[in-house]
Protein backbone atom coordinates (compact mmCIF):
# COMPACT_ATOMS: atom_id res chain seq x y z
CA MET A 1 128.35 177.94 31.96
CA THR A 2 131.58 178.83 34.44
CA THR A 3 133.17 175.94 35.84
CA ARG A 4 132.08 177.12 39.50
CA GLU A 5 128.61 177.03 38.37
CA GLU A 6 128.93 173.46 36.99
CA ARG A 7 130.20 172.19 40.45
CA LEU A 8 127.67 173.96 42.01
CA ASN A 9 125.18 172.78 39.98
CA ALA A 10 126.59 169.01 40.36
CA LEU A 11 126.51 169.70 44.30
CA LYS A 12 122.80 170.58 44.15
CA ASP A 13 122.24 167.10 41.71
CA ALA A 14 124.06 165.55 44.08
CA VAL A 15 122.43 166.54 47.21
CA ASP A 16 119.10 166.55 45.51
CA GLU A 17 119.87 162.69 44.71
CA TRP A 18 120.96 162.04 48.01
CA ALA A 19 117.95 163.27 49.79
CA ASP A 20 115.55 161.34 47.60
CA ARG A 21 117.36 158.30 48.28
CA GLU A 22 117.15 159.45 52.35
CA VAL A 23 112.92 159.95 52.41
CA GLU A 24 112.24 156.77 50.57
CA ARG A 25 115.09 154.85 52.91
CA TYR A 26 113.01 156.55 56.15
CA GLU A 27 110.17 155.83 54.72
CA LYS A 28 110.63 151.71 53.65
CA GLN A 29 111.92 152.11 57.56
CA VAL A 30 108.65 153.59 58.83
CA GLU A 31 106.83 150.91 56.77
CA PHE A 32 108.94 148.18 58.00
CA LEU A 33 109.14 149.12 62.00
CA THR A 34 105.20 149.48 61.51
CA SER A 35 104.86 145.99 60.31
CA VAL A 36 106.68 144.40 63.04
CA LEU A 37 104.73 146.86 65.62
CA GLU A 38 101.17 145.46 64.01
CA GLY A 39 103.13 141.58 64.16
CA ARG A 40 103.88 141.99 68.18
CA THR A 41 100.90 143.17 69.40
CA GLY A 42 98.59 141.69 67.43
CA SER A 43 95.98 145.01 66.86
CA GLY A 44 97.33 144.37 63.19
CA GLN A 45 95.66 141.07 63.26
CA ALA A 46 92.68 141.80 65.72
CA ALA A 47 92.08 144.66 63.12
CA GLN A 48 91.69 142.38 60.61
CA HIS A 49 89.91 140.08 62.07
CA VAL A 50 86.98 142.03 62.99
CA VAL A 51 86.69 144.09 59.29
CA GLU A 52 86.97 140.74 58.09
CA ARG A 53 83.83 139.53 60.55
CA ALA A 54 82.21 142.97 59.64
CA SER A 55 82.17 142.39 56.00
CA ALA A 56 80.89 138.65 56.04
CA LEU A 57 78.07 139.88 58.82
CA ALA A 58 76.97 142.54 56.27
CA GLU A 59 76.85 139.98 53.47
CA GLU A 60 74.67 138.02 55.24
CA GLU A 61 72.46 140.26 56.31
CA ILE A 62 72.31 141.40 52.59
CA GLN A 63 71.69 138.05 51.29
CA ALA A 64 69.10 137.65 54.14
CA PHE A 65 67.31 140.58 52.56
CA LEU A 66 67.24 139.78 49.11
CA GLU A 67 65.91 136.23 49.95
CA GLU A 68 62.87 137.60 51.81
């Protein structure tokens, strides 16, 4: 390979590595901000409560059916 091609390949590798790190950083930022939003609005907590209660109700109904 010529020196120019080596430099171009090195540049391409550096850009690819930088882009991968940026994508990962943005994904982590989205995850963090989503958790902050859910914590502030209570919608995440309310949704979790609904899921837990629905699961408990389903278990109770299944248990009652099996006991009959």
